[in-house]
C-alpha atoms as a PDB file:
ATOM      1  CA  MET A   1      81.077  21.908  -1.883  1.00  0.00           C
ATOM      2  CA  ARG A   2      83.067  19.052  -1.111  1.00  0.00           C
ATOM      3  CA  PHE A   3      85.433  16.861  -2.999  1.00  0.00           C
ATOM      4  CA  THR A   4      84.461  13.027  -3.735  1.00  0.00           C
ATOM      5  CA  SER A   5      85.892  10.036  -4.788  1.00  0.00           C
ATOM      6  CA  SER A   6      84.866  10.138  -8.141  1.00  0.00           C
ATOM      7  CA  CYS A   7      86.508  13.648  -8.525  1.00  0.00           C
ATOM      8  CA  ALA A   8      89.846  12.202  -7.276  1.00  0.00           C
ATOM      9  CA  ASP A   9      89.478   9.125  -9.712  1.00  0.00           C
ATOM     10  CA  CYS A  10      88.321  11.257 -12.705  1.00  0.00           C
ATOM     11  CA  MET A  11      91.464  13.757 -11.928  1.00  0.00           C
ATOM     12  CA  TYR A  12      93.907  11.570 -11.793  1.00  0.00           C
ATOM     13  CA  LYS A  13      92.596  10.051 -14.873  1.00  0.00           C
ATOM     14  CA  ARG A  14      93.321  13.326 -16.283  1.00  0.00           C
ATOM     15  CA  GLN A  15      96.661  13.112 -15.155  1.00  0.00           C
ATOM     16  CA  GLU A  16      97.417   9.597 -16.194  1.00  0.00           C
ATOM     17  CA  GLN A  17      95.899  10.975 -19.820  1.00  0.00           C
ATOM     18  CA  LYS A  18      99.112  13.757 -20.088  1.00  0.00           C
ATOM     19  CA  THR A  19     101.493  11.217 -18.971  1.00  0.00           C
ATOM     20  CA  ASP A  20     103.480   7.959 -17.539  1.00  0.00           C
ATOM     21  CA  ASN A  21     105.943   9.190 -15.403  1.00  0.00           C
ATOM     22  CA  THR A  22     105.077   7.327 -12.717  1.00  0.00           C
ATOM     23  CA  GLN A  23     107.157   9.804 -10.218  1.00  0.00           C
ATOM     24  CA  TYR A  24     104.989  12.644 -11.005  1.00  0.00           C
ATOM     25  CA  LEU A  25     101.688  10.284 -10.631  1.00  0.00           C
ATOM     26  CA  GLY A  26     102.804   9.034  -7.530  1.00  0.00           C
ATOM     27  CA  GLU A  27     102.905  12.846  -5.989  1.00  0.00           C
ATOM     28  CA  ILE A  28      99.665  13.339  -7.546  1.00  0.00           C
ATOM     29  CA  LYS A  29      98.359  10.534  -6.270  1.00  0.00           C
ATOM     30  CA  ALA A  30      99.640  11.340  -2.631  1.00  0.00           C
ATOM     31  CA  ILE A  31      98.120  14.268  -3.186  1.00  0.00           C
ATOM     32  CA  LEU A  32      94.489  12.803  -3.481  1.00  0.00           C
ATOM     33  CA  ASP A  33      95.323  10.557  -0.734  1.00  0.00           C
ATOM     34  CA  ASN A  34      95.872  12.979   2.132  1.00  0.00           C
ATOM     35  CA  ARG A  35      93.579  15.255   1.045  1.00  0.00           C
ATOM     36  CA  SER A  36      91.548  17.101   3.985  1.00  0.00           C
ATOM     37  CA  GLU A  37      87.759  16.924   4.103  1.00  0.00           C
ATOM     38  CA  THR A  38      87.307  20.081   3.584  1.00  0.00           C
ATOM     39  CA  ILE A  39      89.512  20.619   0.191  1.00  0.00           C
ATOM     40  CA  THR A  40      87.887  21.660  -3.320  1.00  0.00           C
ATOM     41  CA  SER A  41      88.609  20.873  -6.652  1.00  0.00           C
ATOM     42  CA  PRO A  42      90.407  24.073  -7.285  1.00  0.00           C
ATOM     43  CA  GLU A  43      92.909  23.681  -4.766  1.00  0.00           C
ATOM     44  CA  ILE A  44      93.304  20.143  -5.919  1.00  0.00           C
ATOM     45  CA  SER A  45      93.677  21.758  -9.360  1.00  0.00           C
ATOM     46  CA  TYR A  46      96.497  24.590  -7.686  1.00  0.00           C
ATOM     47  CA  ALA A  47      98.154  21.433  -6.164  1.00  0.00           C
ATOM     48  CA  PHE A  48      98.363  19.754  -9.537  1.00  0.00           C
ATOM     49  CA  ASN A  49      99.798  22.457 -10.990  1.00  0.00           C
ATOM     50  CA  LYS A  50     102.967  22.831  -8.370  1.00  0.00           C
ATOM     51  CA  VAL A  51     103.936  19.016  -9.388  1.00  0.00           C
ATOM     52  CA  HIS A  52     103.453  19.839 -12.738  1.00  0.00           C
ATOM     53  CA  GLU A  53     106.401  22.610 -12.429  1.00  0.00           C
ATOM     54  CA  LYS A  54     108.226  20.846 -10.877  1.00  0.00           C
ATOM     55  CA  TYR A  55     108.517  18.093 -13.268  1.00  0.00           C
ATOM     56  CA  PHE A  56     108.171  19.695 -16.661  1.00  0.00           C
ATOM     57  CA  GLY A  57     107.680  23.309 -15.792  1.00  0.00           C
ATOM     58  CA  SER A  58     105.648  26.163 -17.276  1.00  0.00           C
ATOM     59  CA  PHE A  59     102.158  24.922 -18.133  1.00  0.00           C
ATOM     60  CA  PRO A  60     101.519  25.923 -22.173  1.00  0.00           C
ATOM     61  CA  SER A  61     100.131  29.411 -22.330  1.00  0.00           C
ATOM     62  CA  TYR A  62      96.538  29.416 -22.633  1.00  0.00           C
ATOM     63  CA  ALA A  63      96.945  33.220 -24.811  1.00  0.00           C
ATOM     64  CA  ASP A  64      96.295  32.019 -28.469  1.00  0.00           C
ATOM     65  CA  ASP A  65      92.749  29.946 -26.871  1.00  0.00           C
ATOM     66  CA  LYS A  66      91.803  32.924 -24.444  1.00  0.00           C
ATOM     67  CA  LYS A  67      92.056  35.749 -27.842  1.00  0.00           C
ATOM     68  CA  ARG A  68      90.661  33.574 -29.908  1.00  0.00           C
ATOM     69  CA  PHE A  69      87.210  33.066 -27.491  1.00  0.00           C
ATOM     70  CA  ASN A  70      87.697  36.259 -26.696  1.00  0.00           C
ATOM     71  CA  ASP A  71      87.626  38.087 -30.067  1.00  0.00           C
ATOM     72  CA  LEU A  72      84.815  35.448 -31.323  1.00  0.00           C
ATOM     73  CA  VAL A  73      82.290  36.650 -28.260  1.00  0.00           C
ATOM     74  CA  LEU A  74      83.236  40.277 -29.236  1.00  0.00           C
ATOM     75  CA  SER A  75      82.587  39.729 -33.294  1.00  0.00           C
ATOM     76  CA  MET A  76      79.169  38.606 -31.395  1.00  0.00           C
ATOM     77  CA  GLU A  77      78.985  41.665 -29.122  1.00  0.00           C
ATOM     78  CA  ASP A  78      76.956  43.959 -30.608  1.00  0.00           C
ATOM     79  CA  THR A  79      73.945  40.914 -32.079  1.00  0.00           C
ATOM     80  CA  LEU A  80      73.807  39.666 -28.453  1.00  0.00           C
ATOM     81  CA  ARG A  81      72.865  43.087 -27.494  1.00  0.00           C
ATOM     82  CA  LYS A  82      70.481  43.970 -29.888  1.00  0.00           C
ATOM     83  CA  LYS A  83      68.914  40.284 -29.051  1.00  0.00           C
ATOM     84  CA  ILE A  84      69.210  41.233 -25.586  1.00  0.00           C
ATOM     85  CA  LYS A  85      67.416  44.619 -25.592  1.00  0.00           C
ATOM     86  CA  ASP A  86      64.869  43.292 -27.906  1.00  0.00           C
ATOM     87  CA  SER A  87      63.531  40.389 -25.622  1.00  0.00           C
ATOM     88  CA  LYS A  88      61.123  40.720 -23.316  1.00  0.00           C
ATOM     89  CA  ASP A  89      63.102  40.772 -19.834  1.00  0.00           C
ATOM     90  CA  PRO A  90      66.551  42.012 -20.730  1.00  0.00           C
ATOM     91  CA  LEU A  91      68.081  40.954 -17.683  1.00  0.00           C
ATOM     92  CA  ALA A  92      66.913  37.195 -18.153  1.00  0.00           C
ATOM     93  CA  THR A  93      67.765  37.289 -21.039  1.00  0.00           C
ATOM     94  CA  ALA A  94      71.744  38.419 -20.880  1.00  0.00           C
ATOM     95  CA  MET A  95      71.267  36.179 -17.911  1.00  0.00           C
ATOM     96  CA  VAL A  96      71.027  33.437 -19.749  1.00  0.00           C
ATOM     97  CA  MET A  97      73.292  34.072 -22.659  1.00  0.00           C
ATOM     98  CA  ALA A  98      76.241  35.097 -19.659  1.00  0.00           C
ATOM     99  CA  ARG A  99      75.506  31.448 -18.581  1.00  0.00           C
ATOM    100  CA  ILE A 100      75.521  30.074 -22.110  1.00  0.00           C
ATOM    101  CA  GLY A 101      79.576  31.647 -22.119  1.00  0.00           C
ATOM    102  CA  ASN A 102      79.950  29.709 -19.309  1.00  0.00           C
ATOM    103  CA  TYR A 103      80.713  26.888 -21.999  1.00  0.00           C
ATOM    104  CA  ILE A 104      83.572  27.879 -22.591  1.00  0.00           C
ATOM    105  CA  ASP A 105      86.252  25.760 -20.058  1.00  0.00           C
ATOM    106  CA  PHE A 106      89.243  24.491 -21.130  1.00  0.00           C
ATOM    107  CA  GLY A 107      89.578  22.751 -17.860  1.00  0.00           C
ATOM    108  CA  ALA A 108      86.208  20.887 -18.067  1.00  0.00           C
ATOM    109  CA  LEU A 109      86.236  20.146 -21.368  1.00  0.00           C
ATOM    110  CA  ASP A 110      88.459  18.454 -23.308  1.00  0.00           C
ATOM    111  CA  ASP A 111      87.230  19.515 -26.684  1.00  0.00           C
ATOM    112  CA  VAL A 112      86.037  23.472 -26.493  1.00  0.00           C
ATOM    113  CA  ASN A 113      83.997  23.335 -29.780  1.00  0.00           C
ATOM    114  CA  GLU A 114      82.655  26.948 -31.583  1.00  0.00           C
ATOM    115  CA  GLU A 115      79.586  24.917 -33.362  1.00  0.00           C
ATOM    116  CA  GLU A 116      78.767  23.834 -29.792  1.00  0.00           C
ATOM    117  CA  PHE A 117      79.140  26.788 -28.433  1.00  0.00           C
ATOM    118  CA  LEU A 118      77.300  28.734 -31.061  1.00  0.00           C
ATOM    119  CA  SER A 119      74.345  26.433 -30.944  1.00  0.00           C
ATOM    120  CA  LEU A 120      73.745  27.012 -27.263  1.00  0.00           C
ATOM    121  CA  PHE A 121      72.963  30.464 -28.243  1.00  0.00           C
ATOM    122  CA  GLU A 122      69.527  28.652 -29.772  1.00  0.00           C
ATOM    123  CA  ASN A 123      67.406  28.947 -27.257  1.00  0.00           C
ATOM    124  CA  VAL A 124      68.070  31.885 -24.592  1.00  0.00           C
ATOM    125  CA  GLU A 125      64.576  31.856 -22.726  1.00  0.00           C
ATOM    126  CA  MET A 126      64.807  30.967 -18.499  1.00  0.00           C
ATOM    127  CA  ARG A 127      62.841  28.240 -17.895  1.00  0.00           C
ATOM    128  CA  GLN A 128      60.017  28.336 -15.507  1.00  0.00           C
ATOM    129  CA  ASP A 129      61.659  26.297 -12.617  1.00  0.00           C
ATOM    130  CA  GLU A 130      64.196  29.194 -12.427  1.00  0.00           C
ATOM    131  CA  LEU A 131      61.884  32.272 -12.224  1.00  0.00           C
ATOM    132  CA  LYS A 132      61.025  31.747  -7.937  1.00  0.00           C
ATOM    133  CA  THR A 133      65.055  31.786  -8.091  1.00  0.00           C
ATOM    134  CA  TYR A 134      65.217  34.666 -10.806  1.00  0.00           C
ATOM    135  CA  ASP A 135      62.795  36.686  -8.594  1.00  0.00           C
ATOM    136  CA  SER A 136      64.306  36.398  -5.718  1.00  0.00           C
ATOM    137  CA  PHE A 137      67.724  37.797  -7.421  1.00  0.00           C
ATOM    138  CA  CYS A 138      65.982  40.930  -8.550  1.00  0.00           C
ATOM    139  CA  LYS A 139      64.300  41.650  -5.076  1.00  0.00           C
ATOM    140  CA  LYS A 140      67.693  41.192  -3.401  1.00  0.00           C
ATOM    141  CA  CYS A 141      68.970  43.493  -6.288  1.00  0.00           C
ATOM    142  CA  GLU A 142      66.048  46.165  -5.693  1.00  0.00           C
ATOM    143  CA  LYS A 143      67.238  46.369  -2.098  1.00  0.00           C
ATOM    144  CA  ALA A 144      70.869  46.226  -2.699  1.00  0.00           C
ATOM    145  CA  ASN A 145      73.678  49.071  -2.610  1.00  0.00           C
ATOM    146  CA  SER A 146      76.349  46.889  -3.349  1.00  0.00           C
ATOM    147  CA  PHE A 147      76.949  43.912  -6.351  1.00  0.00           C
ATOM    148  CA  LEU A 148      80.231  41.862  -6.774  1.00  0.00           C
ATOM    149  CA  LEU A 149      80.160  39.065  -9.809  1.00  0.00           C
ATOM    150  CA  LEU A 150      82.978  36.483  -9.548  1.00  0.00           C
ATOM    151  CA  THR A 151      83.968  35.614 -12.994  1.00  0.00           C
ATOM    152  CA  ASP A 152      85.225  32.531 -15.152  1.00  0.00           C
ATOM    153  CA  ASN A 153      86.172  32.064 -18.563  1.00  0.00           C
ATOM    154  CA  CYS A 154      87.538  34.328 -21.080  1.00  0.00           C
ATOM    155  CA  GLY A 155      84.854  34.931 -23.713  1.00  0.00           C
ATOM    156  CA  GLU A 156      82.142  34.164 -21.084  1.00  0.00           C
ATOM    157  CA  VAL A 157      83.616  37.784 -19.787  1.00  0.00           C
ATOM    158  CA  VAL A 158      82.063  39.618 -22.445  1.00  0.00           C
ATOM    159  CA  ILE A 159      78.870  37.968 -21.732  1.00  0.00           C
ATOM    160  CA  ASP A 160      78.852  38.858 -18.515  1.00  0.00           C
ATOM    161  CA  LYS A 161      79.326  42.618 -19.336  1.00  0.00           C
ATOM    162  CA  LEU A 162      76.313  42.624 -21.696  1.00  0.00           C
ATOM    163  CA  MET A 163      74.927  41.221 -18.200  1.00  0.00           C
ATOM    164  CA  LEU A 164      76.372  43.849 -15.874  1.00  0.00           C
ATOM    165  CA  GLU A 165      74.875  46.544 -18.357  1.00  0.00           C
ATOM    166  CA  GLN A 166      71.384  45.644 -18.292  1.00  0.00           C
ATOM    167  CA  LEU A 167      71.788  45.174 -14.387  1.00  0.00           C
ATOM    168  CA  SER A 168      73.099  48.473 -13.786  1.00  0.00           C
ATOM    169  CA  GLU A 169      70.198  49.662 -15.949  1.00  0.00           C
ATOM    170  CA  ARG A 170      67.620  48.231 -13.829  1.00  0.00           C
ATOM    171  CA  PHE A 171      68.892  48.938 -10.524  1.00  0.00           C
ATOM    172  CA  PRO A 172      71.061  51.773 -10.649  1.00  0.00           C
ATOM    173  CA  ASN A 173      71.299  51.768  -7.000  1.00  0.00           C
ATOM    174  CA  MET A 174      73.719  49.104  -7.430  1.00  0.00           C
ATOM    175  CA  ASN A 175      77.473  49.793  -7.238  1.00  0.00           C
ATOM    176  CA  ILE A 176      79.293  46.544  -9.204  1.00  0.00           C
ATOM    177  CA  THR A 177      82.290  44.937  -8.583  1.00  0.00           C
ATOM    178  CA  VAL A 178      84.001  42.448 -10.765  1.00  0.00           C
ATOM    179  CA  MET A 179      86.501  39.951  -9.273  1.00  0.00           C
ATOM    180  CA  VAL A 180      88.759  38.337 -11.775  1.00  0.00           C
ATOM    181  CA  ARG A 181      92.027  35.853 -10.968  1.00  0.00           C
ATOM    182  CA  GLY A 182      94.830  36.917  -9.733  1.00  0.00           C
ATOM    183  CA  GLY A 183      97.187  35.242 -12.418  1.00  0.00           C
ATOM    184  CA  ASP A 184      96.962  33.033 -15.001  1.00  0.00           C
ATOM    185  CA  VAL A 185      95.057  30.001 -14.398  1.00  0.00           C
ATOM    186  CA  LEU A 186      93.854  27.451 -17.752  1.00  0.00           C
ATOM    187  CA  ASN A 187      91.287  29.957 -19.941  1.00  0.00           C
ATOM    188  CA  ASP A 188      90.141  31.804 -16.739  1.00  0.00           C
ATOM    189  CA  ALA A 189      89.935  35.960 -17.161  1.00  0.00           C
ATOM    190  CA  THR A 190      92.377  38.315 -15.162  1.00  0.00           C
ATOM    191  CA  VAL A 191      92.804  41.795 -15.426  1.00  0.00           C
ATOM    192  CA  GLU A 192      94.154  41.872 -18.696  1.00  0.00           C
ATOM    193  CA  ASP A 193      91.323  39.881 -20.213  1.00  0.00           C
ATOM    194  CA  ALA A 194      88.781  42.464 -18.499  1.00  0.00           C
ATOM    195  CA  GLN A 195      91.018  45.383 -20.286  1.00  0.00           C
ATOM    196  CA  TYR A 196      90.746  43.883 -23.270  1.00  0.00           C
ATOM    197  CA  ILE A 197      87.251  42.699 -23.291  1.00  0.00           C
ATOM    198  CA  GLY A 198      86.127  46.817 -22.199  1.00  0.00           C
ATOM    199  CA  MET A 199      85.156  45.604 -18.937  1.00  0.00           C
ATOM    200  CA  THR A 200      87.242  48.440 -16.966  1.00  0.00           C
ATOM    201  CA  GLU A 201      85.969  51.182 -19.117  1.00  0.00           C
ATOM    202  CA  HIS A 202      82.745  50.280 -17.016  1.00  0.00           C
ATOM    203  CA  PHE A 203      83.391  48.298 -13.961  1.00  0.00           C
ATOM    204  CA  LYS A 204      85.374  48.239 -11.305  1.00  0.00           C
ATOM    205  CA  VAL A 205      87.543  45.438 -11.380  1.00  0.00           C
ATOM    206  CA  ILE A 206      89.614  43.792  -8.748  1.00  0.00           C
ATOM    207  CA  THR A 207      91.413  40.594  -8.679  1.00  0.00           C
ATOM    208  CA  ASN A 208      90.778  37.315  -6.065  1.00  0.00           C
ATOM    209  CA  GLY A 209      94.736  37.870  -5.304  1.00  0.00           C
ATOM    210  CA  SER A 210      95.082  33.991  -6.054  1.00  0.00           C
ATOM    211  CA  GLN A 211      96.041  31.558  -9.394  1.00  0.00           C
ATOM    212  CA  ILE A 212      93.363  29.318  -8.313  1.00  0.00           C
ATOM    213  CA  ALA A 213      90.506  28.582 -10.767  1.00  0.00           C
ATOM    214  CA  GLY A 214      87.807  28.877  -8.278  1.00  0.00           C
ATOM    215  CA  THR A 215      87.111  31.317  -5.289  1.00  0.00           C
ATOM    216  CA  VAL A 216      88.873  29.795  -1.593  1.00  0.00           C
ATOM    217  CA  TYR A 217      88.185  32.141   0.756  1.00  0.00           C
ATOM    218  CA  SER A 218      90.666  31.639   2.856  1.00  0.00           C
ATOM    219  CA  ARG A 219      93.335  32.266  -0.391  1.00  0.00           C
ATOM    220  CA  LEU A 220      91.676  35.370  -0.801  1.00  0.00           C
ATOM    221  CA  SER A 221      93.451  38.923  -0.712  1.00  0.00           C
ATOM    222  CA  GLU A 222      92.322  41.531   1.675  1.00  0.00           C
ATOM    223  CA  GLU A 223      90.438  43.681  -0.690  1.00  0.00           C
ATOM    224  CA  ALA A 224      89.207  40.305  -2.300  1.00  0.00           C
ATOM    225  CA  GLN A 225      87.869  39.509   0.754  1.00  0.00           C
ATOM    226  CA  ASN A 226      86.235  42.930   1.707  1.00  0.00           C
ATOM    227  CA  ALA A 227      84.371  42.391  -1.213  1.00  0.00           C
ATOM    228  CA  VAL A 228      82.856  39.162  -0.378  1.00  0.00           C
ATOM    229  CA  ASP A 229      82.038  40.476   3.058  1.00  0.00           C
ATOM    230  CA  SER A 230      80.412  44.242   2.258  1.00  0.00           C
ATOM    231  CA  ALA A 231      78.775  42.995  -1.263  1.00  0.00           C
ATOM    232  CA  ASP A 232      74.967  42.892  -0.673  1.00  0.00           C
ATOM    233  CA  VAL A 233      74.469  40.410  -3.616  1.00  0.00           C
ATOM    234  CA  ILE A 234      76.833  38.054  -4.857  1.00  0.00           C
ATOM    235  CA  LEU A 235      76.610  36.500  -8.201  1.00  0.00           C
ATOM    236  CA  SER A 236      79.301  33.709  -8.639  1.00  0.00           C
ATOM    237  CA  LYS A 237      79.851  32.107 -12.217  1.00  0.00           C
ATOM    238  CA  GLY A 238      80.696  28.852 -13.231  1.00  0.00           C
ATOM    239  CA  GLN A 239      81.645  25.563 -11.703  1.00  0.00           C
ATOM    240  CA  GLY A 240      84.928  26.482 -10.415  1.00  0.00           C
ATOM    241  CA  ASN A 241      83.614  29.268  -8.576  1.00  0.00           C
ATOM    242  CA  TYR A 242      80.386  26.810  -7.086  1.00  0.00           C
ATOM    243  CA  GLU A 243      82.728  24.253  -6.324  1.00  0.00           C
ATOM    244  CA  SER A 244      85.024  26.371  -3.758  1.00  0.00           C
ATOM    245  CA  PHE A 245      82.128  29.177  -2.930  1.00  0.00           C
ATOM    246  CA  ALA A 246      79.333  27.245  -2.347  1.00  0.00           C
ATOM    247  CA  GLY A 247      78.917  25.891   1.182  1.00  0.00           C
ATOM    248  CA  GLU A 248      81.044  28.405   2.687  1.00  0.00           C
ATOM    249  CA  GLY A 249      78.350  29.841   4.879  1.00  0.00           C
ATOM    250  CA  ASN A 250      77.960  33.161   1.942  1.00  0.00           C
ATOM    251  CA  HIS A 251      74.318  34.048   0.940  1.00  0.00           C
ATOM    252  CA  ALA A 252      75.088  34.012  -2.748  1.00  0.00           C
ATOM    253  CA  PHE A 253      73.568  33.241  -6.385  1.00  0.00           C
ATOM    254  CA  PHE A 254      75.439  30.840  -8.865  1.00  0.00           C
ATOM    255  CA  LEU A 255      75.016  30.310 -12.086  1.00  0.00           C
ATOM    256  CA  PHE A 256      76.788  27.443 -14.929  1.00  0.00           C
ATOM    257  CA  LEU A 257      76.910  24.921 -17.029  1.00  0.00           C
ATOM    258  CA  CYS A 258      76.751  21.473 -15.745  1.00  0.00           C
ATOM    259  CA  LYS A 259      79.694  20.429 -17.594  1.00  0.00           C
ATOM    260  CA  CYS A 260      81.229  17.142 -15.852  1.00  0.00           C
ATOM    261  CA  ASP A 261      79.253  13.901 -14.228  1.00  0.00           C
ATOM    262  CA  LEU A 262      79.728  15.607 -10.660  1.00  0.00           C
ATOM    263  CA  PHE A 263      77.767  18.071 -11.783  1.00  0.00           C
ATOM    264  CA  ILE A 264      75.364  16.712 -14.187  1.00  0.00           C
ATOM    265  CA  ASN A 265      74.467  14.035 -11.390  1.00  0.00           C
ATOM    266  CA  ARG A 266      74.303  16.121  -8.429  1.00  0.00           C
ATOM    267  CA  PHE A 267      71.947  18.122 -10.113  1.00  0.00           C
ATOM    268  CA  ASN A 268      70.178  15.148 -12.103  1.00  0.00           C
ATOM    269  CA  VAL A 269      70.030  17.073 -15.407  1.00  0.00           C
ATOM    270  CA  PRO A 270      71.728  16.352 -19.001  1.00  0.00           C
ATOM    271  CA  LYS A 271      74.803  17.973 -19.859  1.00  0.00           C
ATOM    272  CA  PHE A 272      75.006  21.485 -20.427  1.00  0.00           C
ATOM    273  CA  THR A 273      72.216  22.227 -18.965  1.00  0.00           C
ATOM    274  CA  GLY A 274      72.477  25.724 -17.457  1.00  0.00           C
ATOM    275  CA  MET A 275      71.545  26.348 -13.307  1.00  0.00           C
ATOM    276  CA  PHE A 276      70.483  29.482 -11.626  1.00  0.00           C
ATOM    277  CA  VAL A 277      71.056  28.612  -7.767  1.00  0.00           C
ATOM    278  CA  GLU A 278      70.369  30.538  -4.870  1.00  0.00           C
ATOM    279  CA  GLU A 279      72.107  29.430  -1.359  1.00  0.00           C
END
């Protein structure tokens, strides 16, 4: 997904809110002004992070926020699992719930509010306009031997695990691989988080080999590139993965909430509308 001028303006304003250091902001502006036509938002953020470390040192850790939301959703796990199993279509319900988990995004939202997050679970029905994509997804899973999930945020990955439980039950023929970030970036899930929430006990977990809040194929490790190349079905979670992985020639399904103006305007939907897209 191409990086737009509106994205550049938004990202620069967010940096201005952090500091009035003119040298720092000058380097940030230079990155934006001299960007390549093919660069993605996660790559820009990665470049920003390097400049931040130069001027201010390491970023404050998101460890407390990550644990707080992992623990919050873990405390909901049994209730959500029962609600999924009791629903008319457990896989569809689990996918909608996993998409709701995409709300927990400290990169896209200035305020990640627990009450607002919990309120999104009031409606876990897949919309009628998404059923064609869902049908295509299921048909491809029926024929598939390998499935790759590109994960996004902490807390969210707990519900991803519930979704994968339903997926493996419905399509036992598929070998499932889960890809997490290769290092700490924002509140995105890493191997340590996957271990903490119990994902590694049931599914193969690999890293993308990169400390970028997205899936940029050229920056993936050899293992991660092989996982992408060999997957019969790819499901990508979150805005960052959509921004960096969509439009790259991969047949993939994308599941995310529209949280910023770029996505709200692109899909012409209200904020926090869930999207299920096949490319």
